[in-house]
Protein backbone atom coordinates (compact mmCIF):
# COMPACT_ATOMS: atom_id res chain seq x y z
CA MET A 1 -49.16 2.80 -40.55
CA GLN A 2 -53.22 1.60 -39.02
CA LYS A 3 -53.76 5.68 -38.68
CA ARG A 4 -53.64 7.93 -40.79
CA THR A 5 -54.56 11.33 -38.50
CA LYS A 6 -51.00 12.34 -37.40
CA ILE A 7 -50.17 13.01 -33.82
CA LEU A 8 -47.63 15.83 -32.85
CA ALA A 9 -45.84 15.28 -29.17
CA THR A 10 -44.59 18.29 -27.37
CA LEU A 11 -41.24 17.22 -25.61
CA GLY A 12 -40.17 18.14 -22.56
CA PRO A 13 -38.04 16.69 -19.02
CA ALA A 14 -39.92 13.80 -19.31
CA SER A 15 -39.61 12.41 -23.05
CA ASP A 16 -36.61 14.56 -24.47
CA THR A 17 -34.25 11.41 -23.92
CA ILE A 18 -33.65 8.91 -27.08
CA GLU A 19 -35.00 6.12 -25.37
CA ILE A 20 -38.19 7.73 -24.77
CA ILE A 21 -38.37 9.46 -28.22
CA GLU A 22 -37.86 6.03 -29.90
CA GLY A 23 -40.87 4.62 -27.79
CA LEU A 24 -42.85 7.89 -28.63
CA ILE A 25 -41.74 7.13 -32.35
CA LYS A 26 -43.54 3.34 -31.99
CA ALA A 27 -46.37 4.40 -30.10
CA GLY A 28 -47.01 6.87 -32.90
CA ALA A 29 -45.89 10.17 -32.81
CA ASN A 30 -45.17 11.48 -36.17
CA MET A 31 -43.96 15.29 -35.68
CA PHE A 32 -42.10 16.62 -32.56
CA ARG A 33 -43.14 20.18 -30.74
CA LEU A 34 -40.25 22.08 -29.42
CA ASN A 35 -41.56 24.88 -27.04
CA PHE A 36 -39.61 27.88 -27.01
CA SER A 37 -41.59 29.22 -24.22
CA HIS A 38 -39.26 27.37 -22.16
CA GLY A 39 -35.84 25.99 -22.35
CA SER A 40 -32.58 27.54 -23.23
CA HIS A 41 -31.01 27.28 -26.85
CA GLU A 42 -28.82 24.71 -25.56
CA TYR A 43 -31.17 22.71 -24.20
CA HIS A 44 -33.33 23.03 -27.51
CA LEU A 45 -30.28 21.76 -29.82
CA ASN A 46 -29.44 18.66 -27.22
CA THR A 47 -33.40 17.60 -27.98
CA LEU A 48 -33.17 18.06 -31.25
CA ASN A 49 -29.96 16.28 -31.64
CA ASN A 50 -31.44 13.12 -29.77
CA ILE A 51 -34.66 13.28 -32.65
CA ARG A 52 -32.79 12.73 -35.10
CA LYS A 53 -30.28 10.22 -33.29
CA ALA A 54 -33.88 8.36 -32.88
CA MET A 55 -35.05 8.72 -36.18
CA GLU A 56 -31.58 7.28 -37.53
CA ASN A 57 -32.11 4.39 -35.22
CA LEU A 58 -35.54 3.42 -35.99
CA ASN A 59 -34.88 4.07 -40.07
CA THR A 60 -37.68 6.28 -40.00
CA THR A 61 -39.18 10.00 -40.52
CA VAL A 62 -40.32 12.47 -38.41
CA ALA A 63 -41.26 15.97 -38.30
CA VAL A 64 -39.64 18.99 -36.39
CA LEU A 65 -41.91 21.95 -35.65
CA GLN A 66 -40.44 24.59 -33.34
CA ASP A 67 -42.92 26.94 -31.50
CA ILE A 68 -41.83 30.25 -31.25
CA SER A 69 -43.17 32.15 -28.12
CA GLY A 70 -44.22 35.28 -29.69
CA PRO A 71 -45.83 38.06 -27.29
CA LYS A 72 -47.45 36.98 -24.33
CA VAL A 73 -49.11 39.72 -22.20
CA ARG A 74 -48.29 39.27 -19.01
CA LEU A 75 -48.80 40.71 -15.95
CA GLY A 76 -45.77 42.18 -13.76
CA ASP A 77 -44.99 41.38 -10.29
CA LEU A 78 -47.35 41.96 -7.34
CA LYS A 79 -45.78 42.33 -3.68
CA GLU A 80 -48.55 39.54 -3.09
CA PRO A 81 -51.06 37.72 -4.58
CA PHE A 82 -54.41 39.44 -4.93
CA GLU A 83 -57.51 37.96 -3.58
CA LEU A 84 -60.06 39.58 -6.13
CA ARG A 85 -63.63 39.45 -5.40
CA LYS A 86 -66.47 40.24 -7.22
CA GLY A 87 -66.86 44.58 -7.49
CA ASP A 88 -63.27 44.83 -6.72
CA THR A 89 -61.71 47.24 -8.95
CA ILE A 90 -58.24 46.81 -10.66
CA ARG A 91 -56.27 49.82 -12.15
CA PHE A 92 -53.46 49.56 -14.99
CA VAL A 93 -50.67 51.93 -14.53
CA LYS A 94 -48.24 52.47 -17.61
CA ASP A 95 -44.91 52.55 -15.24
CA ASP A 96 -43.63 49.62 -14.43
CA ILE A 97 -44.37 49.07 -11.17
CA VAL A 98 -44.45 46.25 -8.39
CA GLY A 99 -48.38 45.80 -8.23
CA TYR A 100 -49.96 46.52 -4.67
CA GLN A 101 -53.36 46.33 -3.16
CA GLU A 102 -54.52 49.92 -2.77
CA SER A 103 -57.40 49.63 -0.36
CA GLU A 104 -59.65 46.78 0.82
CA THR A 105 -61.50 46.75 -2.59
CA GLU A 106 -58.88 48.54 -5.04
CA TYR A 107 -55.60 46.86 -6.11
CA VAL A 108 -52.90 48.38 -8.49
CA ALA A 109 -50.73 46.53 -11.36
CA SER A 110 -48.87 47.04 -14.60
CA LEU A 111 -48.18 45.36 -17.80
CA ASN A 112 -45.32 43.97 -20.23
CA TYR A 113 -46.72 46.02 -23.04
CA PRO A 114 -48.52 49.50 -21.58
CA GLU A 115 -49.14 50.57 -24.74
CA LEU A 116 -51.58 48.42 -25.08
CA LEU A 117 -53.55 50.06 -22.34
CA ASP A 118 -54.05 53.08 -24.76
CA LYS A 119 -55.91 51.00 -27.39
CA VAL A 120 -58.69 49.71 -24.44
CA LYS A 121 -61.88 51.23 -24.60
CA LYS A 122 -65.03 51.32 -21.62
CA ASP A 123 -67.07 48.15 -21.60
CA GLU A 124 -64.16 46.19 -23.15
CA TYR A 125 -63.13 43.55 -21.24
CA ILE A 126 -59.84 42.11 -19.84
CA TYR A 127 -59.52 38.57 -18.63
CA LEU A 128 -56.60 38.19 -16.59
CA TYR A 129 -54.60 34.73 -15.33
CA ASP A 130 -55.83 33.22 -18.77
CA GLY A 131 -59.06 33.70 -18.87
CA THR A 132 -60.13 32.52 -14.82
CA ILE A 133 -60.71 35.85 -13.84
CA ARG A 134 -63.02 38.43 -15.74
CA ALA A 135 -62.63 42.23 -15.37
CA LYS A 136 -64.90 45.08 -17.60
CA VAL A 137 -62.94 48.18 -18.17
CA ILE A 138 -64.94 51.23 -16.69
CA GLU A 139 -62.23 54.00 -17.24
CA THR A 140 -59.76 54.39 -19.96
CA GLY A 141 -57.30 57.87 -20.17
CA ALA A 142 -53.97 57.88 -18.82
CA GLN A 143 -54.66 54.54 -16.79
CA VAL A 144 -57.49 51.64 -16.98
CA LYS A 145 -59.70 51.22 -14.46
CA ALA A 146 -61.80 47.25 -14.74
CA GLU A 147 -64.16 46.32 -12.36
CA ILE A 148 -63.81 43.03 -11.21
CA GLU A 149 -66.69 39.70 -12.39
CA ASN A 150 -66.10 37.04 -10.43
CA HIS A 151 -63.74 35.42 -7.66
CA GLY A 152 -59.88 34.64 -8.16
CA LYS A 153 -56.58 34.84 -7.03
CA LEU A 154 -54.21 36.25 -9.11
CA GLY A 155 -50.71 35.90 -8.84
CA SER A 156 -47.52 37.71 -10.25
CA ARG A 157 -46.65 37.24 -14.34
CA LYS A 158 -49.87 35.69 -15.42
CA GLY A 159 -51.42 35.75 -18.57
CA VAL A 160 -53.93 38.94 -19.59
CA ASN A 161 -55.89 38.33 -22.79
CA PHE A 162 -58.03 41.10 -24.08
CA PRO A 163 -60.92 39.78 -25.87
CA ASN A 164 -62.59 43.02 -27.30
CA THR A 165 -59.42 44.78 -28.34
CA ILE A 166 -57.53 44.90 -31.49
CA ILE A 167 -54.07 45.02 -30.26
CA ASP A 168 -51.77 45.46 -33.45
CA ILE A 169 -48.66 44.82 -31.68
CA ASP A 170 -45.70 42.70 -34.12
CA VAL A 171 -46.54 39.30 -32.96
CA ILE A 172 -42.52 38.59 -33.78
CA THR A 173 -40.40 39.76 -30.77
CA GLU A 174 -36.76 40.30 -30.27
CA LYS A 175 -36.56 36.90 -28.75
CA ASP A 176 -38.48 35.02 -31.51
CA GLU A 177 -36.18 36.71 -33.88
CA LYS A 178 -33.40 34.61 -32.46
CA ASP A 179 -35.11 31.91 -32.13
CA ILE A 180 -36.53 31.71 -35.48
CA ALA A 181 -32.54 32.30 -36.72
CA TRP A 182 -31.84 29.00 -34.45
CA GLY A 183 -34.63 27.55 -36.38
CA VAL A 184 -32.78 28.07 -39.88
CA GLU A 185 -29.48 27.49 -38.64
CA ASN A 186 -30.74 23.77 -37.33
CA LYS A 187 -33.28 22.99 -40.37
CA VAL A 188 -36.40 22.60 -38.45
CA ASP A 189 -39.03 21.21 -40.46
CA TYR A 190 -42.22 23.64 -39.44
CA PHE A 191 -42.26 27.00 -37.32
CA ALA A 192 -45.34 27.59 -35.59
CA ILE A 193 -46.11 31.53 -35.12
CA SER A 194 -48.35 32.55 -32.13
CA PHE A 195 -50.63 35.73 -31.83
CA VAL A 196 -51.18 35.61 -35.51
CA GLN A 197 -53.87 38.75 -35.83
CA ASN A 198 -53.16 39.11 -40.07
CA LYS A 199 -51.05 37.74 -43.25
CA LYS A 200 -48.45 40.77 -42.41
CA ASP A 201 -47.44 38.91 -39.12
CA MET A 202 -46.83 35.54 -41.54
CA GLU A 203 -45.32 37.62 -44.09
CA HIS A 204 -43.01 39.09 -41.55
CA ALA A 205 -42.29 35.47 -39.89
CA ARG A 206 -41.51 34.82 -43.83
CA LYS A 207 -38.86 36.86 -44.75
CA LEU A 208 -36.98 35.75 -41.27
CA LEU A 209 -36.69 32.28 -42.87
CA ASN A 210 -34.26 34.40 -45.40
CA GLY A 211 -34.94 32.02 -48.09
CA TYR A 212 -34.74 28.56 -45.94
CA HIS A 213 -37.69 26.36 -46.92
CA GLY A 214 -39.24 25.83 -43.71
CA LYS A 215 -43.12 25.31 -43.37
CA LEU A 216 -44.72 28.60 -41.57
CA ILE A 217 -47.62 27.19 -39.34
CA ALA A 218 -50.41 30.09 -38.02
CA LYS A 219 -51.54 29.53 -34.69
CA ILE A 220 -55.13 31.02 -34.75
CA GLU A 221 -55.45 31.95 -31.06
CA LYS A 222 -57.17 35.40 -31.25
CA PHE A 223 -60.23 36.58 -32.31
CA ASP A 224 -58.85 38.73 -35.01
CA ALA A 225 -57.07 36.06 -36.89
CA VAL A 226 -60.41 34.03 -37.21
CA GLU A 227 -61.74 37.60 -38.61
CA ASN A 228 -58.92 37.22 -41.04
CA ILE A 229 -58.31 33.46 -41.74
CA ASP A 230 -58.53 33.90 -45.38
CA GLU A 231 -55.47 36.37 -45.75
CA ILE A 232 -53.53 34.18 -43.07
CA MET A 233 -54.15 31.20 -44.78
CA GLU A 234 -52.89 32.39 -47.96
CA ALA A 235 -49.88 33.68 -46.29
CA SER A 236 -48.90 30.45 -44.59
CA ASP A 237 -48.26 27.03 -45.17
CA GLY A 238 -50.82 25.47 -42.52
CA LEU A 239 -52.83 26.59 -39.62
CA MET A 240 -52.85 25.36 -35.94
CA VAL A 241 -56.50 25.82 -34.03
CA ALA A 242 -54.94 26.69 -30.87
CA ARG A 243 -57.91 26.37 -28.51
CA GLY A 244 -55.98 27.68 -25.30
CA ASP A 245 -55.94 30.95 -25.68
CA LEU A 246 -58.56 31.36 -28.56
CA GLY A 247 -61.12 29.87 -25.66
CA ILE A 248 -60.17 33.02 -23.97
CA GLU A 249 -60.47 35.61 -27.15
CA VAL A 250 -63.69 34.46 -28.40
CA PRO A 251 -66.70 32.89 -26.34
CA TYR A 252 -66.15 29.35 -25.35
CA TYR A 253 -69.40 28.19 -26.95
CA GLU A 254 -68.10 29.17 -30.10
CA VAL A 255 -64.67 27.23 -29.80
CA PRO A 256 -65.74 23.86 -31.47
CA THR A 257 -67.77 25.48 -34.35
CA ILE A 258 -64.55 27.77 -35.33
CA GLN A 259 -62.15 24.96 -35.06
CA LYS A 260 -64.54 22.67 -37.40
CA ARG A 261 -64.62 26.02 -39.56
CA LEU A 262 -61.06 26.05 -39.69
CA ILE A 263 -60.16 22.43 -40.16
CA LYS A 264 -62.80 22.77 -43.48
CA LYS A 265 -60.93 25.50 -44.92
CA ALA A 266 -57.53 24.29 -44.72
CA ASN A 267 -58.72 21.00 -46.14
CA ALA A 268 -60.36 22.67 -49.01
CA ALA A 269 -57.43 24.97 -49.44
CA CYS A 270 -55.05 21.77 -49.42
CA LYS A 271 -52.85 23.00 -46.41
CA PRO A 272 -52.49 20.94 -43.43
CA VAL A 273 -54.26 21.66 -40.22
CA ILE A 274 -53.25 20.81 -36.49
CA THR A 275 -55.52 20.57 -33.50
CA ALA A 276 -54.38 21.61 -30.35
CA THR A 277 -54.50 21.97 -26.68
CA GLN A 278 -55.83 19.81 -23.36
CA MET A 279 -56.44 16.75 -26.07
CA LEU A 280 -55.84 14.62 -23.40
CA LEU A 281 -54.58 16.70 -20.42
CA SER A 282 -56.16 14.76 -17.68
CA MET A 283 -53.19 11.67 -18.68
CA THR A 284 -50.56 14.71 -17.33
CA GLU A 285 -51.20 12.52 -14.09
CA ASN A 286 -53.62 10.07 -14.70
CA GLU A 287 -53.46 6.41 -16.72
CA ARG A 288 -56.38 6.80 -18.83
CA ALA A 289 -58.17 9.62 -20.74
CA THR A 290 -61.74 11.30 -19.70
CA ARG A 291 -64.49 9.96 -21.74
CA ALA A 292 -64.84 14.05 -22.94
CA GLU A 293 -60.97 13.79 -23.74
CA ILE A 294 -61.64 10.80 -25.86
CA SER A 295 -64.59 12.07 -27.76
CA ASP A 296 -62.57 15.35 -28.21
CA VAL A 297 -59.89 13.74 -30.09
CA ALA A 298 -62.02 11.58 -32.15
CA ASN A 299 -64.53 14.63 -33.17
CA ALA A 300 -61.31 16.38 -34.48
CA VAL A 301 -60.16 13.05 -36.30
CA LEU A 302 -64.05 12.97 -38.18
CA ASP A 303 -63.65 17.00 -38.22
CA GLY A 304 -60.58 16.39 -40.90
CA THR A 305 -57.49 17.40 -38.84
CA ASP A 306 -54.33 16.37 -40.20
CA VAL A 307 -52.91 16.67 -36.90
CA VAL A 308 -53.35 16.04 -33.36
CA MET A 309 -51.34 17.55 -30.68
CA LEU A 310 -50.14 16.73 -27.10
CA SER A 311 -48.60 19.14 -24.78
CA GLU A 312 -48.39 19.17 -21.05
CA GLU A 313 -49.50 15.30 -21.24
CA SER A 314 -45.99 14.45 -23.36
CA ALA A 315 -43.93 16.90 -22.09
CA VAL A 316 -44.29 17.04 -18.31
CA GLY A 317 -46.85 13.92 -17.60
CA THR A 318 -45.96 10.84 -15.66
CA ASP A 319 -46.23 8.56 -19.05
CA PRO A 320 -45.41 10.20 -22.15
CA ILE A 321 -45.56 7.06 -24.29
CA ASN A 322 -48.48 5.61 -22.72
CA VAL A 323 -50.50 9.01 -24.14
CA VAL A 324 -49.33 8.96 -27.58
CA GLN A 325 -50.33 5.02 -27.60
CA THR A 326 -53.69 6.33 -26.33
CA MET A 327 -54.20 8.66 -28.44
CA SER A 328 -53.05 6.01 -31.46
CA ASN A 329 -56.10 3.52 -30.51
CA ILE A 330 -58.39 6.71 -30.32
CA ILE A 331 -57.27 7.91 -33.88
CA ALA A 332 -57.40 4.10 -35.44
CA LYS A 333 -60.83 3.35 -33.43
CA THR A 334 -62.66 6.38 -34.91
CA GLU A 335 -61.17 6.13 -38.53
CA GLU A 336 -63.02 3.01 -38.97
CA ILE A 337 -65.75 5.59 -39.62
CA TYR A 338 -63.96 8.08 -41.26
CA ASN A 339 -65.81 10.29 -43.74
CA PHE A 340 -63.32 9.39 -47.11
CA ASP A 341 -63.63 10.12 -50.75
CA LYS A 342 -63.53 13.80 -50.43
CA GLN A 343 -63.22 14.26 -54.19
CA SER A 344 -66.70 15.66 -54.88
CA LYS A 345 -66.84 17.89 -52.82
CA LEU A 346 -63.78 19.55 -53.28
CA ALA A 347 -63.23 21.81 -56.41
CA TYR A 348 -60.09 21.49 -58.13
CA LEU A 349 -57.65 24.13 -57.31
CA ASP A 350 -55.61 23.70 -60.50
CA GLU A 351 -54.99 21.62 -63.75
CA PHE A 352 -52.48 19.23 -61.58
CA ASP A 353 -56.04 18.18 -59.19
CA VAL A 354 -57.77 16.21 -62.14
CA ILE A 355 -54.55 13.83 -61.98
CA GLN A 356 -54.21 13.58 -57.93
CA GLY A 357 -58.00 13.74 -58.11
CA THR A 358 -57.84 10.26 -60.89
CA VAL A 359 -55.50 8.73 -58.53
CA THR A 360 -57.39 8.58 -55.74
CA LYS A 361 -60.64 7.69 -57.30
CA LEU A 362 -58.34 4.88 -59.60
CA ALA A 363 -56.59 3.45 -55.82
CA ASP A 364 -59.94 3.07 -53.68
CA ASP A 365 -61.96 1.88 -57.18
CA LEU A 366 -59.43 -1.25 -57.39
CA GLY A 367 -58.89 -1.73 -53.81
CA ALA A 368 -55.03 -0.58 -54.23
CA LYS A 369 -52.54 -1.77 -51.91
CA GLY A 370 -50.80 2.01 -51.57
CA ILE A 371 -50.58 4.69 -53.59
CA LEU A 372 -46.86 5.61 -54.41
CA ALA A 373 -46.31 8.50 -54.52
CA LEU A 374 -42.66 10.15 -56.02
CA THR A 375 -42.96 14.15 -55.39
CA SER A 376 -39.95 16.55 -55.40
CA SER A 377 -42.06 19.41 -53.37
CA GLY A 378 -44.72 17.00 -51.81
CA LYS A 379 -47.78 18.89 -53.72
CA SER A 380 -48.30 16.22 -55.07
CA ALA A 381 -48.74 13.82 -52.33
CA MET A 382 -50.45 16.60 -50.03
CA LYS A 383 -53.30 16.90 -53.08
CA ILE A 384 -53.88 13.23 -53.03
CA SER A 385 -54.19 13.22 -49.24
CA ARG A 386 -56.93 16.10 -49.86
CA TYR A 387 -59.22 14.00 -51.09
CA ARG A 388 -59.26 11.59 -48.34
CA PRO A 389 -58.38 8.24 -49.95
CA LYS A 390 -58.93 4.72 -48.05
CA THR A 391 -55.94 3.72 -49.84
CA LYS A 392 -52.47 4.39 -48.04
CA ILE A 393 -50.26 7.50 -49.59
CA LEU A 394 -46.51 5.91 -49.83
CA ALA A 395 -44.45 9.10 -50.30
CA PHE A 396 -41.21 9.10 -51.44
CA SER A 397 -39.06 12.35 -52.79
CA HIS A 398 -35.66 13.30 -54.32
CA LYS A 399 -34.88 15.40 -51.00
CA ARG A 400 -35.08 14.49 -47.85
CA LYS A 401 -36.54 18.28 -46.42
CA THR A 402 -40.12 17.41 -48.71
CA LEU A 403 -39.84 13.79 -47.05
CA ASN A 404 -39.75 15.46 -43.28
CA SER A 405 -42.36 17.79 -44.18
CA LEU A 406 -44.86 15.15 -44.91
CA CYS A 407 -45.17 14.08 -41.63
CA ALA A 408 -48.07 16.70 -41.52
CA ILE A 409 -50.15 15.30 -43.58
CA TRP A 410 -53.05 13.17 -43.42
CA GLY A 411 -52.44 9.19 -44.77
CA VAL A 412 -49.00 10.12 -46.55
CA TYR A 413 -46.45 7.79 -44.69
CA PRO A 414 -43.26 9.17 -45.56
CA ILE A 415 -40.69 6.57 -46.96
CA THR A 416 -37.20 7.41 -48.37
CA VAL A 417 -35.45 9.44 -50.56
CA ILE A 418 -35.30 8.48 -54.22
CA LYS A 419 -32.69 9.99 -56.35
CA GLU A 420 -33.98 11.54 -59.89
CA GLY A 421 -33.72 8.95 -62.56
CA GLN A 422 -35.49 7.66 -65.57
CA ALA A 423 -39.14 6.44 -64.79
CA SER A 424 -38.77 2.62 -64.61
CA LYS A 425 -35.63 2.78 -62.18
CA MET A 426 -37.29 5.60 -60.03
CA ILE A 427 -40.42 2.80 -59.82
CA GLN A 428 -38.18 0.10 -59.50
CA LYS A 429 -35.91 1.38 -56.45
CA MET A 430 -39.67 2.61 -54.74
CA LEU A 431 -40.83 -1.20 -54.96
CA LYS A 432 -37.18 -2.37 -53.68
CA ASN A 433 -37.45 -0.09 -50.83
CA LEU A 434 -41.22 -1.23 -49.62
CA GLU A 435 -39.82 -4.87 -50.22
CA SER A 436 -36.37 -4.31 -48.22
CA ARG A 437 -39.02 -3.27 -45.04
CA ASN A 438 -41.21 -6.04 -45.49
CA ILE A 439 -44.54 -3.69 -46.34
CA LEU A 440 -44.36 -4.54 -50.10
CA ASP A 441 -48.21 -7.06 -51.11
CA LYS A 442 -46.70 -8.50 -54.06
CA THR A 443 -50.21 -9.10 -55.89
CA GLY A 444 -50.47 -5.56 -55.87
CA PRO A 445 -51.88 -3.33 -57.44
CA TYR A 446 -50.30 -0.43 -56.59
CA ILE A 447 -50.88 3.05 -57.96
CA ALA A 448 -47.72 5.04 -58.75
CA THR A 449 -47.38 8.45 -59.61
CA ILE A 450 -44.79 10.61 -60.83
CA GLY A 451 -43.43 13.56 -62.93
CA TYR A 452 -41.02 13.44 -65.53
CA PRO A 453 -38.91 15.30 -65.79
CA ALA A 454 -37.70 14.06 -62.56
CA GLY A 455 -37.19 16.59 -60.18
CA ILE A 456 -39.29 19.45 -61.28
CA PRO A 457 -42.16 20.63 -59.07
CA GLY A 458 -45.59 20.58 -60.32
CA SER A 459 -44.45 18.37 -62.92
CA THR A 460 -46.52 14.68 -61.82
CA ASN A 461 -47.87 13.82 -65.03
CA THR A 462 -47.87 10.41 -65.14
CA ILE A 463 -50.26 7.16 -63.48
CA LYS A 464 -49.21 3.73 -63.59
CA ILE A 465 -51.23 0.56 -62.19
CA LEU A 466 -48.51 -1.89 -60.86
CA THR A 467 -50.18 -5.14 -61.34
CA GLU A 468 -48.67 -8.70 -59.66
CA GLY A 469 -47.08 -9.39 -63.10
CA GLU A 470 -45.40 -5.37 -63.29
CA ILE A 471 -44.46 -5.31 -59.88
CA GLU A 472 -42.38 -8.60 -60.70
CA TYR A 473 -41.38 -7.42 -63.89
CA TYR A 474 -39.61 -4.01 -62.11
CA LEU A 475 -38.34 -5.75 -59.43
CA ASN A 476 -35.97 -7.95 -61.37
CA LEU A 477 -35.38 -5.07 -64.36
CA PRO A 478 -31.27 -5.15 -63.83
CA THR A 479 -29.67 -2.06 -62.53
CA ASN A 480 -27.68 -1.27 -65.63
CA LYS A 481 -31.00 -1.85 -68.09
CA LYS A 482 -32.19 1.01 -70.09
CA LYS A 483 -35.95 1.81 -70.75
């Protein structure tokens, strides 16, 4: 429980067994990502079952995030790789062809979304091979012709980006609809929606949940998503700063400031934010991270991110457990200089924020051993987290689903499910559970927050300071005694 910033680890061939997943949890992983750009439903179901078995074995709580692949724009097949040089031209046609070299300096290729060619304008840019090759549009019409501006080798099915073009396509593909239905059926906690452009994309995804209370994360990886961030935030349960494609869609030197701006906006809106892509990439093959990667993780923590994410490092890397342990160590050390106590810097979002703000101040001023947050919807724990208290937030809920979702919230440690009942009985159960886990300091104090009547979302209305004497009283309260 030493770190407050959470770790989201992608699972893959190197890390999808129960044994490795348990090792990742012990090393500090709080959430697991299922990447639906790869793998079958059968494969992901086996991995999901392994996560839940590991969680059961360790008597702990973790969350599962299903990353929906979205409409990745790709080049068509090529007869052979293109060895492109500055000044060469590449012509994109709408027909589904196998790309070929037309002359010494001219190449022809197709896209998997040919309708995008109607949206491209002269002097706009097309980035090939995930941004490594840059081409400037010189002709438009029935075909699009672009001039290559730097050398690069281009192969079949490589990614294509349009950093200046509003492509305005449906980001939920037919495959994505089936994948989301799988996630609903198997009760994943979070759905990450790729290539979001505006709030309509998130509203479409919400409808596909068919009433299931999964959380929707908007992946911010397009320039128009950055421009539409306020409306996207309103329609989402959280954000992911997906720096891979984002670093292609916007000038590379803008990525750090965009990251900081998005994290600040998410913090202010009381919504979790995940910082992703290449955080410890060198550890996919190496035992140690680079100094730059270590600083990158540390800066995301200091920016205020709720979660930092591992991709290839934990999915296909040589030592996934070492990667998570390294990230945990970086987080824990960085948080020694963290800027806690954001209460004076954030405006209240509603009347209940006054209660959560008071809880935060009380806990830190009294040097409390913990904040016991009993929450039905998870909102009260999230609002306490928003103020970034030094005191750890020990969360209890009437619902398992709520408890799982809190794994993505900074500083919140999901403990267990507490059934609804009288306030005194619920406090007793919280304390007894902590005692059974050997994490209760009976000298106190603790700050307890509950809502009464129990089980009504948004009803947190009680703050109780539990001193040493009161802790002893509740622990010894007869189970049949009413108050």
